[in-house]
Amino acid sequence: MTGKERIQRILRREPVDRIGLYEHFWPDTEKAWADTLRGQSFEDCFGLDIQESWPLNLVIDLDFCASGSSGNRRNHHLSGWQRGDHAAA
C-alpha cells in the first residue's frame, strides 16, 4: 500500500495496514542530514506517508480589500468606533 492510498483509506475510515506517518523537520535538521540522505527525501528515507508542502504565498497585503466592499478601503477592517463613525451620529 502506498502512502497516498493509506492516507486516502484513513480519511475514508477504511482498514489500513498501519497508521499513516508524518513528521516535520526543522530546516537546520534538514541541512545537517543533507549529506547523510544523499539526495533521498526525508519521506522516502523514513517511510513517511505525507509530504509537507507550502503552496501558499504567506506575504500579507495590508491594502487588500475583498471585491464588492465599499467605504474606506484602507480602514475596512476597523470597527465603527476605531474609524470615528460614532462622531457622525
Protein backbone atom coordinates (compact mmCIF):
# COMPACT_ATOMS: atom_id res chain seq x y z
CA MET A 1 0.00 0.00 0.00
CA THR A 2 1.40 3.39 -0.95
CA GLY A 3 1.38 6.37 1.40
CA LYS A 4 -1.25 8.10 -0.74
CA GLU A 5 -3.51 5.03 -0.69
CA ARG A 6 -3.01 4.66 3.07
CA ILE A 7 -3.97 8.27 3.84
CA GLN A 8 -6.97 8.15 1.49
CA ARG A 9 -8.23 4.99 3.20
CA ILE A 10 -7.69 6.52 6.65
CA LEU A 11 -9.72 9.59 5.64
CA ARG A 12 -12.50 7.31 4.34
CA ARG A 13 -12.33 5.33 7.61
CA GLU A 14 -11.37 2.13 5.81
CA PRO A 15 -8.92 -0.51 7.09
CA VAL A 16 -5.20 0.10 6.52
CA ASP A 17 -2.04 -1.94 7.05
CA ARG A 18 -0.57 0.58 9.53
CA ILE A 19 -1.05 4.08 10.84
CA GLY A 20 -0.15 6.91 8.46
CA LEU A 21 3.16 8.58 9.27
CA TYR A 22 4.12 12.25 9.12
CA GLU A 23 6.99 14.14 10.65
CA HIS A 24 8.13 17.74 10.45
CA PHE A 25 11.84 18.51 10.43
CA TRP A 26 13.38 21.87 11.29
CA PRO A 27 15.39 23.44 8.44
CA ASP A 28 18.58 23.09 10.50
CA THR A 29 17.93 19.35 10.80
CA GLU A 30 17.39 19.04 7.06
CA LYS A 31 20.67 20.84 6.36
CA ALA A 32 22.55 18.68 8.87
CA TRP A 33 21.19 15.47 7.29
CA ALA A 34 21.62 16.52 3.65
CA ASP A 35 24.89 14.60 3.20
CA THR A 36 23.60 11.52 5.00
CA LEU A 37 20.45 11.30 2.85
CA ARG A 38 22.47 11.59 -0.40
CA GLY A 39 19.63 13.19 -2.37
CA GLN A 40 16.93 10.97 -0.91
CA SER A 41 13.88 12.75 0.51
CA PHE A 42 13.02 12.54 4.21
CA GLU A 43 9.70 10.92 3.24
CA ASP A 44 11.44 8.11 1.35
CA CYS A 45 14.21 7.66 3.92
CA PHE A 46 11.88 7.38 6.92
CA GLY A 47 8.86 5.82 5.17
CA LEU A 48 6.59 8.82 5.76
CA ASP A 49 3.16 8.88 4.10
CA ILE A 50 2.54 12.62 3.96
CA GLN A 51 4.84 15.13 2.30
CA GLU A 52 4.94 18.69 3.53
CA SER A 53 4.36 21.46 1.01
CA TRP A 54 3.81 25.19 1.25
CA PRO A 55 1.87 26.16 -1.88
CA LEU A 56 0.64 29.40 -0.33
CA ASN A 57 2.08 32.87 -0.54
CA LEU A 58 2.46 33.82 3.12
CA VAL A 59 3.12 37.50 2.41
CA ILE A 60 0.47 39.82 3.86
CA ASP A 61 -1.07 42.50 1.65
CA LEU A 62 -2.05 45.21 4.13
CA ASP A 63 -4.08 47.07 1.49
CA PHE A 64 -6.14 44.01 0.46
CA CYS A 65 -9.85 44.57 0.21
CA ALA A 66 -12.33 41.94 -0.89
CA SER A 67 -14.16 42.82 -4.10
CA GLY A 68 -17.59 44.30 -3.67
CA SER A 69 -16.88 46.03 -0.37
CA SER A 70 -17.28 49.77 -0.09
CA GLY A 71 -16.16 52.57 2.11
CA ASN A 72 -12.70 53.49 3.24
CA ARG A 73 -10.64 50.69 1.73
CA ARG A 74 -7.63 51.29 3.91
CA ASN A 75 -9.61 51.03 7.16
CA HIS A 76 -12.22 48.45 6.14
CA HIS A 77 -11.08 46.13 8.94
CA LEU A 78 -11.66 48.71 11.68
CA SER A 79 -14.79 48.87 13.78
CA GLY A 80 -17.03 51.93 13.68
CA TRP A 81 -15.52 53.31 16.86
CA GLN A 82 -11.99 52.91 15.55
CA ARG A 83 -12.90 54.67 12.26
CA GLY A 84 -14.61 57.52 14.07
CA ASP A 85 -18.13 56.70 12.82
CA HIS A 86 -19.51 57.41 16.30
CA ALA A 87 -18.72 61.12 15.89
CA ALA A 88 -21.11 61.43 12.93
CA ALA A 89 -24.07 60.07 14.89
